[in-house]
Amino acid sequence: MRVFSLWTRGRNIRNNREANGQPIEGQPNLIRRCRYMRVKITLRCNECKQRNYNTMKNKKNTPDKLELNKYCPFCRKHTVHTETK
């Protein structure tokens, strides 16, 4: 029983390191680099100016403002939504 708890405790430490972005022995430091390329954005309806959707975007691949055709529950129709921060 004690051996199992030691094994579990060591496994949790390894998973916590991965979640915190710290590199683990034998793995490249890609976790930290990839996290800063994606940013959180909010999509706003162009007609009623309500902020309806939250999403993530890769700022390296799409440096311009994002525009998507999405459903607006306030307008009750599909409208163009643009990116706001």
Protein backbone atom coordinates (compact mmCIF):
# COMPACT_ATOMS: atom_id res chain seq x y z
CA MET A 1 0.00 0.00 0.00
CA ARG A 2 2.78 2.41 0.86
CA VAL A 3 4.65 1.70 -2.39
CA PHE A 4 1.55 2.60 -4.39
CA SER A 5 1.16 5.95 -2.60
CA LEU A 6 4.82 6.83 -3.26
CA TRP A 7 4.39 5.97 -6.95
CA THR A 8 1.25 8.11 -7.16
CA ARG A 9 2.90 11.02 -5.39
CA GLY A 10 5.83 10.98 -7.82
CA ARG A 11 3.46 10.85 -10.78
CA ASN A 12 1.54 13.89 -9.53
CA ILE A 13 4.75 15.89 -9.22
CA ARG A 14 5.58 15.08 -12.84
CA ASN A 15 2.11 16.13 -14.02
CA ASN A 16 2.29 19.36 -12.01
CA ARG A 17 5.60 20.23 -13.67
CA GLU A 18 4.04 19.74 -17.11
CA ALA A 19 1.09 21.96 -16.17
CA ASN A 20 3.36 24.74 -14.86
CA GLY A 21 5.35 24.82 -18.09
CA GLN A 22 8.57 23.57 -16.55
CA PRO A 23 10.54 21.26 -18.82
CA ILE A 24 10.82 17.61 -17.81
CA GLU A 25 14.07 15.72 -18.23
CA GLY A 26 14.42 14.43 -21.78
CA GLN A 27 11.68 16.65 -23.29
CA PRO A 28 12.29 19.82 -25.32
CA ASN A 29 11.13 23.14 -23.95
CA LEU A 30 8.20 23.44 -26.41
CA ILE A 31 5.46 23.83 -23.81
CA ARG A 32 6.58 27.30 -22.76
CA ARG A 33 7.08 28.59 -26.32
CA CYS A 34 3.69 27.46 -27.68
CA ARG A 35 1.69 29.03 -24.87
CA TYR A 36 2.56 32.63 -25.81
CA MET A 37 1.64 32.30 -29.50
CA ARG A 38 -2.07 31.85 -28.75
CA VAL A 39 -4.08 34.75 -27.31
CA LYS A 40 -7.61 34.96 -25.98
CA ILE A 41 -9.96 37.09 -28.07
CA THR A 42 -13.61 38.12 -27.89
CA LEU A 43 -15.84 38.24 -30.95
CA ARG A 44 -18.25 41.18 -31.19
CA CYS A 45 -21.31 41.46 -33.42
CA ASN A 46 -21.00 44.27 -36.00
CA GLU A 47 -24.70 45.11 -35.93
CA CYS A 48 -25.66 45.20 -32.24
CA LYS A 49 -22.09 45.53 -30.82
CA GLN A 50 -22.68 42.77 -28.26
CA ARG A 51 -19.76 40.53 -27.28
CA ASN A 52 -21.05 37.02 -27.87
CA TYR A 53 -18.13 34.60 -28.27
CA ASN A 54 -14.72 33.95 -26.71
CA THR A 55 -12.06 32.03 -28.60
CA MET A 56 -8.30 31.61 -29.02
CA LYS A 57 -6.23 32.60 -32.02
CA ASN A 58 -2.65 32.03 -33.08
CA LYS A 59 -1.17 35.48 -33.58
CA LYS A 60 1.66 34.14 -35.75
CA ASN A 61 -0.68 32.60 -38.34
CA THR A 62 -3.37 35.32 -38.24
CA PRO A 63 -1.88 38.71 -37.31
CA ASP A 64 -4.92 40.65 -38.67
CA LYS A 65 -8.23 41.05 -36.87
CA LEU A 66 -10.35 37.95 -37.14
CA GLU A 67 -13.78 38.18 -38.82
CA LEU A 68 -16.21 35.25 -38.68
CA ASN A 69 -19.81 34.77 -39.66
CA LYS A 70 -21.52 33.59 -36.44
CA TYR A 71 -25.02 33.49 -34.99
CA CYS A 72 -25.94 36.45 -32.78
CA PRO A 73 -28.62 35.57 -30.19
CA PHE A 74 -29.49 39.26 -29.69
CA CYS A 75 -30.06 39.95 -33.40
CA ARG A 76 -31.44 36.43 -33.93
CA LYS A 77 -29.58 35.98 -37.19
CA HIS A 78 -26.13 35.24 -38.59
CA THR A 79 -23.92 38.33 -38.66
CA VAL A 80 -20.24 39.14 -39.07
CA HIS A 81 -18.34 39.08 -35.77
CA THR A 82 -15.01 40.88 -35.45
CA GLU A 83 -12.22 40.40 -32.96
CA THR A 84 -11.93 42.59 -29.86
CA LYS A 85 -9.56 42.14 -26.94
